[in-house]
């Protein structure tokens, strides 16, 4: 039984990796705390649901990140770029307003009832693991989440664009002086971060019900992950996401009455010990 809880914690942790990596990337370049990130995740889940009904899950998995990525580029051009040098309160108010708009949009288009997406037939079986039956789809989620983490890390460390991203997140003015179009670079990164939020929404749809309020829990956990890992740090977010997933799983067994506040307790403890987070502000 414990192994099942730990496995579910790993599944949730890898889902948070995909979510929080987009949040960390956006903050790293634009220095914008995007409170609408959870709503983008929710919108991606609903778009994926509609596409899957008309085609299939795999088509939805490919199309939804493209749609969300385009939306992210528009969001950067007409939102985040204008908010970059504003005071934090203005940023909070604008992104929170966007959160409310997206919630109302989802309720208008898809209604308020809970929806569900069937597990793709290719992965609708279980795998025996030390006497426990684990759903193959959730195993695939873990593998996919880890591949996303490895791919993003390799892209940032070994590609030319990744070098520009790391440089711009450290000193955008000096990077621009070297001839790099930082606005175009940031638009691409915001598009990527938004696409990752939409991707996480599609992936979660077969095992989490879709509702207009599904953004709240995952948004809070994503912010906790980014803060624990270090604002703007992708590697720190990966570690913190896996840690939070296991914390939620073990808390459900041993401290069920405190499971909702455990992430905040751990966040406070880590920040008291290391105020800059586990990995500081390194990308």
C-alpha atoms as a PDB file:
ATOM      1  CA  UNK A   1       0.000   0.000   0.000  1.00  0.00           C
ATOM      2  CA  UNK A   2       2.845   2.400   0.857  1.00  0.00           C
ATOM      3  CA  UNK A   3       4.424   1.769  -2.535  1.00  0.00           C
ATOM      4  CA  UNK A   4       1.186   2.811  -4.247  1.00  0.00           C
ATOM      5  CA  UNK A   5       1.084   6.084  -2.302  1.00  0.00           C
ATOM      6  CA  UNK A   6       4.737   6.758  -3.124  1.00  0.00           C
ATOM      7  CA  UNK A   7       4.091   6.007  -6.776  1.00  0.00           C
ATOM      8  CA  UNK A   8       1.117   8.400  -6.856  1.00  0.00           C
ATOM      9  CA  UNK A   9       3.339  11.005  -5.212  1.00  0.00           C
ATOM     10  CA  UNK A  10       5.876  10.474  -7.993  1.00  0.00           C
ATOM     11  CA  UNK A  11       3.145  10.908 -10.606  1.00  0.00           C
ATOM     12  CA  UNK A  12       2.000  14.162  -9.028  1.00  0.00           C
ATOM     13  CA  UNK A  13       5.602  15.302  -8.641  1.00  0.00           C
ATOM     14  CA  UNK A  14       6.358  14.797 -12.326  1.00  0.00           C
ATOM     15  CA  UNK A  15       3.158  16.648 -13.236  1.00  0.00           C
ATOM     16  CA  UNK A  16       4.380  19.531 -11.056  1.00  0.00           C
ATOM     17  CA  UNK A  17       7.732  19.394 -12.880  1.00  0.00           C
ATOM     18  CA  UNK A  18       5.983  20.209 -16.154  1.00  0.00           C
ATOM     19  CA  UNK A  19       3.833  22.907 -14.543  1.00  0.00           C
ATOM     20  CA  UNK A  20       6.458  24.601 -12.401  1.00  0.00           C
ATOM     21  CA  UNK A  21       9.164  24.565 -15.090  1.00  0.00           C
ATOM     22  CA  UNK A  22       6.999  26.852 -17.202  1.00  0.00           C
ATOM     23  CA  UNK A  23       6.384  29.115 -14.211  1.00  0.00           C
ATOM     24  CA  UNK A  24      10.116  29.228 -13.408  1.00  0.00           C
ATOM     25  CA  UNK A  25      11.083  29.985 -17.011  1.00  0.00           C
ATOM     26  CA  UNK A  26       8.612  32.874 -17.256  1.00  0.00           C
ATOM     27  CA  UNK A  27       9.774  34.387 -13.990  1.00  0.00           C
ATOM     28  CA  UNK A  28      13.423  33.874 -14.908  1.00  0.00           C
ATOM     29  CA  UNK A  29      13.168  36.091 -17.990  1.00  0.00           C
ATOM     30  CA  UNK A  30      10.237  38.416 -17.418  1.00  0.00           C
ATOM     31  CA  UNK A  31      10.416  38.646 -13.621  1.00  0.00           C
ATOM     32  CA  UNK A  32       6.616  38.366 -13.676  1.00  0.00           C
ATOM     33  CA  UNK A  33       4.868  36.241 -11.037  1.00  0.00           C
ATOM     34  CA  UNK A  34       2.126  34.777 -13.197  1.00  0.00           C
ATOM     35  CA  UNK A  35      -0.920  34.059 -11.030  1.00  0.00           C
ATOM     36  CA  UNK A  36      -2.796  33.005 -14.169  1.00  0.00           C
ATOM     37  CA  UNK A  37      -0.493  30.031 -14.779  1.00  0.00           C
ATOM     38  CA  UNK A  38      -2.933  27.623 -13.132  1.00  0.00           C
ATOM     39  CA  UNK A  39      -5.736  28.927 -15.330  1.00  0.00           C
ATOM     40  CA  UNK A  40      -3.589  28.325 -18.410  1.00  0.00           C
ATOM     41  CA  UNK A  41      -3.141  24.751 -17.188  1.00  0.00           C
ATOM     42  CA  UNK A  42      -6.923  24.486 -16.819  1.00  0.00           C
ATOM     43  CA  UNK A  43      -7.539  25.973 -20.264  1.00  0.00           C
ATOM     44  CA  UNK A  44      -5.092  23.499 -21.772  1.00  0.00           C
ATOM     45  CA  UNK A  45      -6.954  20.626 -20.124  1.00  0.00           C
ATOM     46  CA  UNK A  46     -10.282  21.773 -21.568  1.00  0.00           C
ATOM     47  CA  UNK A  47      -8.884  22.412 -25.037  1.00  0.00           C
ATOM     48  CA  UNK A  48      -7.282  18.967 -24.957  1.00  0.00           C
ATOM     49  CA  UNK A  49     -10.593  17.475 -23.860  1.00  0.00           C
ATOM     50  CA  UNK A  50     -12.445  19.046 -26.806  1.00  0.00           C
ATOM     51  CA  UNK A  51      -9.770  18.072 -29.334  1.00  0.00           C
ATOM     52  CA  UNK A  52      -9.661  14.504 -27.989  1.00  0.00           C
ATOM     53  CA  UNK A  53     -13.444  14.158 -28.371  1.00  0.00           C
ATOM     54  CA  UNK A  54     -13.196  15.125 -32.038  1.00  0.00           C
ATOM     55  CA  UNK A  55     -10.024  13.162 -32.789  1.00  0.00           C
ATOM     56  CA  UNK A  56      -8.126  11.224 -30.098  1.00  0.00           C
ATOM     57  CA  UNK A  57      -5.927  11.791 -27.066  1.00  0.00           C
ATOM     58  CA  UNK A  58      -2.646  11.720 -28.996  1.00  0.00           C
ATOM     59  CA  UNK A  59      -3.755  14.414 -31.425  1.00  0.00           C
ATOM     60  CA  UNK A  60      -4.854  16.527 -28.440  1.00  0.00           C
ATOM     61  CA  UNK A  61      -1.456  15.992 -26.831  1.00  0.00           C
ATOM     62  CA  UNK A  62       0.222  17.441 -29.937  1.00  0.00           C
ATOM     63  CA  UNK A  63      -2.186  20.250 -30.827  1.00  0.00           C
ATOM     64  CA  UNK A  64      -2.922  21.708 -27.389  1.00  0.00           C
ATOM     65  CA  UNK A  65       0.670  22.802 -26.555  1.00  0.00           C
ATOM     66  CA  UNK A  66       0.876  24.523 -29.968  1.00  0.00           C
ATOM     67  CA  UNK A  67      -2.345  26.458 -29.330  1.00  0.00           C
ATOM     68  CA  UNK A  68      -1.257  27.349 -25.796  1.00  0.00           C
ATOM     69  CA  UNK A  69       2.219  28.329 -26.986  1.00  0.00           C
ATOM     70  CA  UNK A  70       0.721  30.783 -29.483  1.00  0.00           C
ATOM     71  CA  UNK A  71      -1.491  32.162 -26.711  1.00  0.00           C
ATOM     72  CA  UNK A  72       1.619  32.561 -24.543  1.00  0.00           C
ATOM     73  CA  UNK A  73       3.400  34.611 -27.218  1.00  0.00           C
ATOM     74  CA  UNK A  74       0.379  36.933 -27.411  1.00  0.00           C
ATOM     75  CA  UNK A  75       0.263  37.079 -23.625  1.00  0.00           C
ATOM     76  CA  UNK A  76       3.886  38.165 -23.509  1.00  0.00           C
ATOM     77  CA  UNK A  77       3.522  40.741 -26.271  1.00  0.00           C
ATOM     78  CA  UNK A  78       0.419  42.424 -24.863  1.00  0.00           C
ATOM     79  CA  UNK A  79       0.815  41.625 -21.168  1.00  0.00           C
ATOM     80  CA  UNK A  80       4.072  40.510 -19.588  1.00  0.00           C
ATOM     81  CA  UNK A  81       6.288  42.809 -21.662  1.00  0.00           C
ATOM     82  CA  UNK A  82       4.309  45.777 -20.376  1.00  0.00           C
ATOM     83  CA  UNK A  83       4.358  44.490 -16.791  1.00  0.00           C
ATOM     84  CA  UNK A  84       8.086  43.772 -16.589  1.00  0.00           C
ATOM     85  CA  UNK A  85       9.062  47.082 -14.989  1.00  0.00           C
ATOM     86  CA  UNK A  86       5.857  47.697 -13.053  1.00  0.00           C
ATOM     87  CA  UNK A  87       5.564  47.401  -9.287  1.00  0.00           C
ATOM     88  CA  UNK A  88       4.725  43.924  -7.916  1.00  0.00           C
ATOM     89  CA  UNK A  89       1.199  44.909  -6.833  1.00  0.00           C
ATOM     90  CA  UNK A  90       0.275  45.879 -10.406  1.00  0.00           C
ATOM     91  CA  UNK A  91       1.597  42.553 -11.677  1.00  0.00           C
ATOM     92  CA  UNK A  92      -0.421  40.644  -9.080  1.00  0.00           C
ATOM     93  CA  UNK A  93      -3.626  42.532  -9.919  1.00  0.00           C
ATOM     94  CA  UNK A  94      -3.278  42.081 -13.691  1.00  0.00           C
ATOM     95  CA  UNK A  95      -2.389  38.387 -13.611  1.00  0.00           C
ATOM     96  CA  UNK A  96      -5.100  37.708 -11.008  1.00  0.00           C
ATOM     97  CA  UNK A  97      -7.573  39.494 -13.264  1.00  0.00           C
ATOM     98  CA  UNK A  98      -6.474  37.269 -16.144  1.00  0.00           C
ATOM     99  CA  UNK A  99      -7.073  34.250 -13.890  1.00  0.00           C
ATOM    100  CA  UNK A 100     -10.685  35.359 -13.329  1.00  0.00           C
ATOM    101  CA  UNK A 101     -11.229  36.021 -17.030  1.00  0.00           C
ATOM    102  CA  UNK A 102     -10.000  32.539 -17.983  1.00  0.00           C
ATOM    103  CA  UNK A 103     -12.186  30.921 -15.303  1.00  0.00           C
ATOM    104  CA  UNK A 104     -15.264  32.736 -16.629  1.00  0.00           C
ATOM    105  CA  UNK A 105     -14.324  31.824 -20.203  1.00  0.00           C
ATOM    106  CA  UNK A 106     -14.063  28.131 -19.327  1.00  0.00           C
ATOM    107  CA  UNK A 107     -17.417  28.189 -17.508  1.00  0.00           C
ATOM    108  CA  UNK A 108     -19.062  29.931 -20.462  1.00  0.00           C
ATOM    109  CA  UNK A 109     -17.731  27.519 -23.084  1.00  0.00           C
ATOM    110  CA  UNK A 110     -17.670  24.193 -21.214  1.00  0.00           C
ATOM    111  CA  UNK A 111     -20.043  24.784 -18.290  1.00  0.00           C
ATOM    112  CA  UNK A 112     -19.546  24.194 -14.580  1.00  0.00           C
ATOM    113  CA  UNK A 113     -20.003  20.423 -14.485  1.00  0.00           C
ATOM    114  CA  UNK A 114     -17.048  18.134 -13.914  1.00  0.00           C
ATOM    115  CA  UNK A 115     -15.793  16.459 -17.086  1.00  0.00           C
ATOM    116  CA  UNK A 116     -13.503  13.484 -17.587  1.00  0.00           C
ATOM    117  CA  UNK A 117     -11.331  12.201 -20.400  1.00  0.00           C
ATOM    118  CA  UNK A 118     -10.878   8.488 -20.952  1.00  0.00           C
ATOM    119  CA  UNK A 119      -7.438   6.951 -20.639  1.00  0.00           C
ATOM    120  CA  UNK A 120      -5.973   6.320 -24.117  1.00  0.00           C
ATOM    121  CA  UNK A 121      -6.601   2.733 -25.138  1.00  0.00           C
ATOM    122  CA  UNK A 122      -2.913   2.117 -25.789  1.00  0.00           C
ATOM    123  CA  UNK A 123      -2.179   2.648 -22.083  1.00  0.00           C
ATOM    124  CA  UNK A 124      -5.393   1.364 -20.490  1.00  0.00           C
ATOM    125  CA  UNK A 125      -3.824  -1.593 -18.675  1.00  0.00           C
ATOM    126  CA  UNK A 126      -2.005  -2.171 -15.393  1.00  0.00           C
ATOM    127  CA  UNK A 127       1.516  -3.308 -14.606  1.00  0.00           C
ATOM    128  CA  UNK A 128       2.341  -5.530 -11.648  1.00  0.00           C
ATOM    129  CA  UNK A 129       5.055  -4.031  -9.430  1.00  0.00           C
ATOM    130  CA  UNK A 130       5.996  -5.839  -6.200  1.00  0.00           C
ATOM    131  CA  UNK A 131       2.445  -7.089  -5.780  1.00  0.00           C
ATOM    132  CA  UNK A 132       0.788  -3.767  -6.625  1.00  0.00           C
ATOM    133  CA  UNK A 133      -1.104  -3.044  -9.831  1.00  0.00           C
ATOM    134  CA  UNK A 134       0.045   0.276 -11.276  1.00  0.00           C
ATOM    135  CA  UNK A 135      -1.829   1.948 -14.159  1.00  0.00           C
ATOM    136  CA  UNK A 136       0.324   2.019 -17.271  1.00  0.00           C
ATOM    137  CA  UNK A 137      -0.848   5.543 -18.081  1.00  0.00           C
ATOM    138  CA  UNK A 138       0.496   6.902 -14.817  1.00  0.00           C
ATOM    139  CA  UNK A 139       3.803   5.152 -15.420  1.00  0.00           C
ATOM    140  CA  UNK A 140       3.882   6.871 -18.816  1.00  0.00           C
ATOM    141  CA  UNK A 141       3.219  10.221 -17.088  1.00  0.00           C
ATOM    142  CA  UNK A 142       6.277   9.701 -14.870  1.00  0.00           C
ATOM    143  CA  UNK A 143       8.464   8.771 -17.834  1.00  0.00           C
ATOM    144  CA  UNK A 144       7.185  11.691 -19.895  1.00  0.00           C
ATOM    145  CA  UNK A 145       7.672  14.179 -17.058  1.00  0.00           C
ATOM    146  CA  UNK A 146      11.254  13.038 -16.522  1.00  0.00           C
ATOM    147  CA  UNK A 147      11.924  13.288 -20.272  1.00  0.00           C
ATOM    148  CA  UNK A 148      10.599  16.855 -20.236  1.00  0.00           C
ATOM    149  CA  UNK A 149      12.939  17.686 -17.339  1.00  0.00           C
ATOM    150  CA  UNK A 150      15.933  16.155 -19.117  1.00  0.00           C
ATOM    151  CA  UNK A 151      15.017  17.840 -22.410  1.00  0.00           C
ATOM    152  CA  UNK A 152      14.655  21.294 -20.855  1.00  0.00           C
ATOM    153  CA  UNK A 153      17.924  20.907 -18.960  1.00  0.00           C
ATOM    154  CA  UNK A 154      19.784  19.817 -22.098  1.00  0.00           C
ATOM    155  CA  UNK A 155      18.227  22.656 -24.101  1.00  0.00           C
ATOM    156  CA  UNK A 156      19.297  25.276 -21.561  1.00  0.00           C
ATOM    157  CA  UNK A 157      22.801  23.881 -21.062  1.00  0.00           C
ATOM    158  CA  UNK A 158      23.880  22.822 -24.537  1.00  0.00           C
ATOM    159  CA  UNK A 159      21.940  24.854 -27.126  1.00  0.00           C
ATOM    160  CA  UNK A 160      22.747  28.334 -28.385  1.00  0.00           C
ATOM    161  CA  UNK A 161      19.268  29.621 -27.567  1.00  0.00           C
ATOM    162  CA  UNK A 162      19.543  28.075 -24.109  1.00  0.00           C
ATOM    163  CA  UNK A 163      22.750  30.054 -23.597  1.00  0.00           C
ATOM    164  CA  UNK A 164      20.911  33.246 -24.575  1.00  0.00           C
ATOM    165  CA  UNK A 165      18.080  32.387 -22.158  1.00  0.00           C
ATOM    166  CA  UNK A 166      20.490  31.870 -19.268  1.00  0.00           C
ATOM    167  CA  UNK A 167      22.350  35.060 -20.089  1.00  0.00           C
ATOM    168  CA  UNK A 168      19.162  37.105 -20.401  1.00  0.00           C
ATOM    169  CA  UNK A 169      17.791  35.761 -17.117  1.00  0.00           C
ATOM    170  CA  UNK A 170      20.989  36.919 -15.387  1.00  0.00           C
ATOM    171  CA  UNK A 171      21.546  40.296 -17.082  1.00  0.00           C
ATOM    172  CA  UNK A 172      19.046  41.228 -19.824  1.00  0.00           C
ATOM    173  CA  UNK A 173      20.642  44.633 -20.489  1.00  0.00           C
ATOM    174  CA  UNK A 174      24.097  43.199 -21.185  1.00  0.00           C
ATOM    175  CA  UNK A 175      22.571  40.405 -23.262  1.00  0.00           C
ATOM    176  CA  UNK A 176      20.719  42.958 -25.404  1.00  0.00           C
ATOM    177  CA  UNK A 177      23.970  44.895 -25.883  1.00  0.00           C
ATOM    178  CA  UNK A 178      25.452  41.759 -27.453  1.00  0.00           C
ATOM    179  CA  UNK A 179      22.863  41.937 -30.232  1.00  0.00           C
ATOM    180  CA  UNK A 180      20.325  39.504 -28.795  1.00  0.00           C
ATOM    181  CA  UNK A 181      16.685  40.467 -29.261  1.00  0.00           C
ATOM    182  CA  UNK A 182      15.636  39.872 -25.665  1.00  0.00           C
ATOM    183  CA  UNK A 183      11.979  40.725 -26.294  1.00  0.00           C
ATOM    184  CA  UNK A 184      11.716  38.061 -28.996  1.00  0.00           C
ATOM    185  CA  UNK A 185      13.622  35.626 -26.802  1.00  0.00           C
ATOM    186  CA  UNK A 186      11.319  36.302 -23.854  1.00  0.00           C
ATOM    187  CA  UNK A 187       8.229  35.881 -26.036  1.00  0.00           C
ATOM    188  CA  UNK A 188       9.490  32.462 -27.080  1.00  0.00           C
ATOM    189  CA  UNK A 189      10.190  31.451 -23.493  1.00  0.00           C
ATOM    190  CA  UNK A 190       6.766  32.653 -22.294  1.00  0.00           C
ATOM    191  CA  UNK A 191       5.240  30.723 -25.198  1.00  0.00           C
ATOM    192  CA  UNK A 192       7.176  27.636 -24.118  1.00  0.00           C
ATOM    193  CA  UNK A 193       6.139  28.073 -20.471  1.00  0.00           C
ATOM    194  CA  UNK A 194       2.488  28.460 -21.448  1.00  0.00           C
ATOM    195  CA  UNK A 195       2.726  25.430 -23.755  1.00  0.00           C
ATOM    196  CA  UNK A 196       4.085  23.398 -20.830  1.00  0.00           C
ATOM    197  CA  UNK A 197       1.130  24.490 -18.679  1.00  0.00           C
ATOM    198  CA  UNK A 198      -1.265  23.365 -21.419  1.00  0.00           C
ATOM    199  CA  UNK A 199       0.664  20.118 -21.829  1.00  0.00           C
ATOM    200  CA  UNK A 200       0.347  19.419 -18.102  1.00  0.00           C
ATOM    201  CA  UNK A 201      -3.396  20.037 -18.377  1.00  0.00           C
ATOM    202  CA  UNK A 202      -3.822  17.493 -21.176  1.00  0.00           C
ATOM    203  CA  UNK A 203      -1.693  14.902 -19.381  1.00  0.00           C
ATOM    204  CA  UNK A 204      -3.658  15.289 -16.146  1.00  0.00           C
ATOM    205  CA  UNK A 205      -7.081  15.040 -17.816  1.00  0.00           C
ATOM    206  CA  UNK A 206      -7.326  11.201 -17.893  1.00  0.00           C
ATOM    207  CA  UNK A 207      -6.750  10.840 -14.124  1.00  0.00           C
ATOM    208  CA  UNK A 208      -7.952  14.163 -12.684  1.00  0.00           C
ATOM    209  CA  UNK A 209     -11.474  15.458 -13.270  1.00  0.00           C
ATOM    210  CA  UNK A 210     -11.839  18.695 -15.211  1.00  0.00           C
ATOM    211  CA  UNK A 211     -13.602  21.566 -13.467  1.00  0.00           C
ATOM    212  CA  UNK A 212     -13.450  25.383 -13.617  1.00  0.00           C
ATOM    213  CA  UNK A 213     -11.740  25.366 -10.198  1.00  0.00           C
ATOM    214  CA  UNK A 214      -9.073  22.775 -11.012  1.00  0.00           C
ATOM    215  CA  UNK A 215      -6.446  25.503 -11.294  1.00  0.00           C
ATOM    216  CA  UNK A 216      -6.317  26.483  -7.614  1.00  0.00           C
ATOM    217  CA  UNK A 217      -4.571  23.502  -6.006  1.00  0.00           C
ATOM    218  CA  UNK A 218      -2.008  22.979  -8.736  1.00  0.00           C
ATOM    219  CA  UNK A 219      -1.234  26.711  -8.892  1.00  0.00           C
ATOM    220  CA  UNK A 220      -0.527  26.881  -5.161  1.00  0.00           C
ATOM    221  CA  UNK A 221       1.652  23.774  -5.294  1.00  0.00           C
ATOM    222  CA  UNK A 222       3.499  25.128  -8.342  1.00  0.00           C
ATOM    223  CA  UNK A 223       4.298  28.372  -6.553  1.00  0.00           C
ATOM    224  CA  UNK A 224       5.500  26.423  -3.515  1.00  0.00           C
ATOM    225  CA  UNK A 225       7.741  24.371  -5.812  1.00  0.00           C
ATOM    226  CA  UNK A 226       9.216  27.461  -7.486  1.00  0.00           C
ATOM    227  CA  UNK A 227       9.837  29.198  -4.146  1.00  0.00           C
ATOM    228  CA  UNK A 228      11.409  26.119  -2.540  1.00  0.00           C
ATOM    229  CA  UNK A 229      13.568  25.444  -5.590  1.00  0.00           C
ATOM    230  CA  UNK A 230      14.666  29.059  -5.942  1.00  0.00           C
ATOM    231  CA  UNK A 231      12.911  31.744  -7.985  1.00  0.00           C
ATOM    232  CA  UNK A 232      13.825  31.279 -11.637  1.00  0.00           C
ATOM    233  CA  UNK A 233      15.797  28.067 -11.042  1.00  0.00           C
ATOM    234  CA  UNK A 234      14.719  25.207 -13.273  1.00  0.00           C
ATOM    235  CA  UNK A 235      16.868  22.560 -11.589  1.00  0.00           C
ATOM    236  CA  UNK A 236      15.663  23.626  -8.159  1.00  0.00           C
ATOM    237  CA  UNK A 237      12.058  23.413  -9.344  1.00  0.00           C
ATOM    238  CA  UNK A 238      12.611  19.820 -10.522  1.00  0.00           C
ATOM    239  CA  UNK A 239      13.950  18.743  -7.138  1.00  0.00           C
ATOM    240  CA  UNK A 240      11.262  20.619  -5.216  1.00  0.00           C
ATOM    241  CA  UNK A 241       8.470  19.142  -7.384  1.00  0.00           C
ATOM    242  CA  UNK A 242       9.526  15.559  -6.652  1.00  0.00           C
ATOM    243  CA  UNK A 243       9.953  16.430  -2.971  1.00  0.00           C
ATOM    244  CA  UNK A 244       6.486  17.982  -2.762  1.00  0.00           C
ATOM    245  CA  UNK A 245       4.889  15.024  -4.547  1.00  0.00           C
ATOM    246  CA  UNK A 246       6.307  12.587  -1.992  1.00  0.00           C
ATOM    247  CA  UNK A 247       5.421  14.929   0.847  1.00  0.00           C
ATOM    248  CA  UNK A 248       1.796  14.961  -0.263  1.00  0.00           C
ATOM    249  CA  UNK A 249       1.768  11.165  -0.567  1.00  0.00           C
ATOM    250  CA  UNK A 250       3.304  10.491   2.854  1.00  0.00           C
ATOM    251  CA  UNK A 251       1.258  13.241   4.475  1.00  0.00           C
ATOM    252  CA  UNK A 252      -1.944  11.572   3.271  1.00  0.00           C
ATOM    253  CA  UNK A 253      -0.911   8.444   5.216  1.00  0.00           C
ATOM    254  CA  UNK A 254       0.688   9.735   8.381  1.00  0.00           C
ATOM    255  CA  UNK A 255      -0.617  13.301   8.796  1.00  0.00           C
ATOM    256  CA  UNK A 256      -3.948  13.467   6.952  1.00  0.00           C
ATOM    257  CA  UNK A 257      -5.207  16.387   9.036  1.00  0.00           C
ATOM    258  CA  UNK A 258      -2.154  18.474   8.087  1.00  0.00           C
ATOM    259  CA  UNK A 259      -1.657  17.385   4.491  1.00  0.00           C
ATOM    260  CA  UNK A 260      -2.992  20.668   3.098  1.00  0.00           C
ATOM    261  CA  UNK A 261      -0.543  22.790   5.091  1.00  0.00           C
ATOM    262  CA  UNK A 262       2.511  20.521   4.947  1.00  0.00           C
ATOM    263  CA  UNK A 263       3.881  22.157   1.780  1.00  0.00           C
ATOM    264  CA  UNK A 264       3.799  25.560   3.463  1.00  0.00           C
ATOM    265  CA  UNK A 265       5.472  24.231   6.602  1.00  0.00           C
ATOM    266  CA  UNK A 266       8.276  22.732   4.527  1.00  0.00           C
ATOM    267  CA  UNK A 267       8.545  25.922   2.465  1.00  0.00           C
ATOM    268  CA  UNK A 268       8.917  28.049   5.593  1.00  0.00           C
ATOM    269  CA  UNK A 269      11.508  25.657   7.052  1.00  0.00           C
ATOM    270  CA  UNK A 270      13.586  25.644   3.864  1.00  0.00           C
ATOM    271  CA  UNK A 271      13.430  29.426   3.454  1.00  0.00           C
ATOM    272  CA  UNK A 272      14.521  29.920   7.063  1.00  0.00           C
ATOM    273  CA  UNK A 273      17.477  27.621   6.407  1.00  0.00           C
ATOM    274  CA  UNK A 274      18.203  28.826   2.864  1.00  0.00           C
ATOM    275  CA  UNK A 275      16.335  32.055   1.968  1.00  0.00           C
ATOM    276  CA  UNK A 276      17.300  31.870  -1.706  1.00  0.00           C
ATOM    277  CA  UNK A 277      15.782  28.384  -2.100  1.00  0.00           C
ATOM    278  CA  UNK A 278      17.462  25.057  -2.757  1.00  0.00           C
ATOM    279  CA  UNK A 279      19.243  26.199  -5.922  1.00  0.00           C
ATOM    280  CA  UNK A 280      19.207  29.970  -5.512  1.00  0.00           C
ATOM    281  CA  UNK A 281      18.328  31.918  -8.655  1.00  0.00           C
ATOM    282  CA  UNK A 282      20.372  29.827 -11.061  1.00  0.00           C
ATOM    283  CA  UNK A 283      18.603  28.678 -14.205  1.00  0.00           C
END
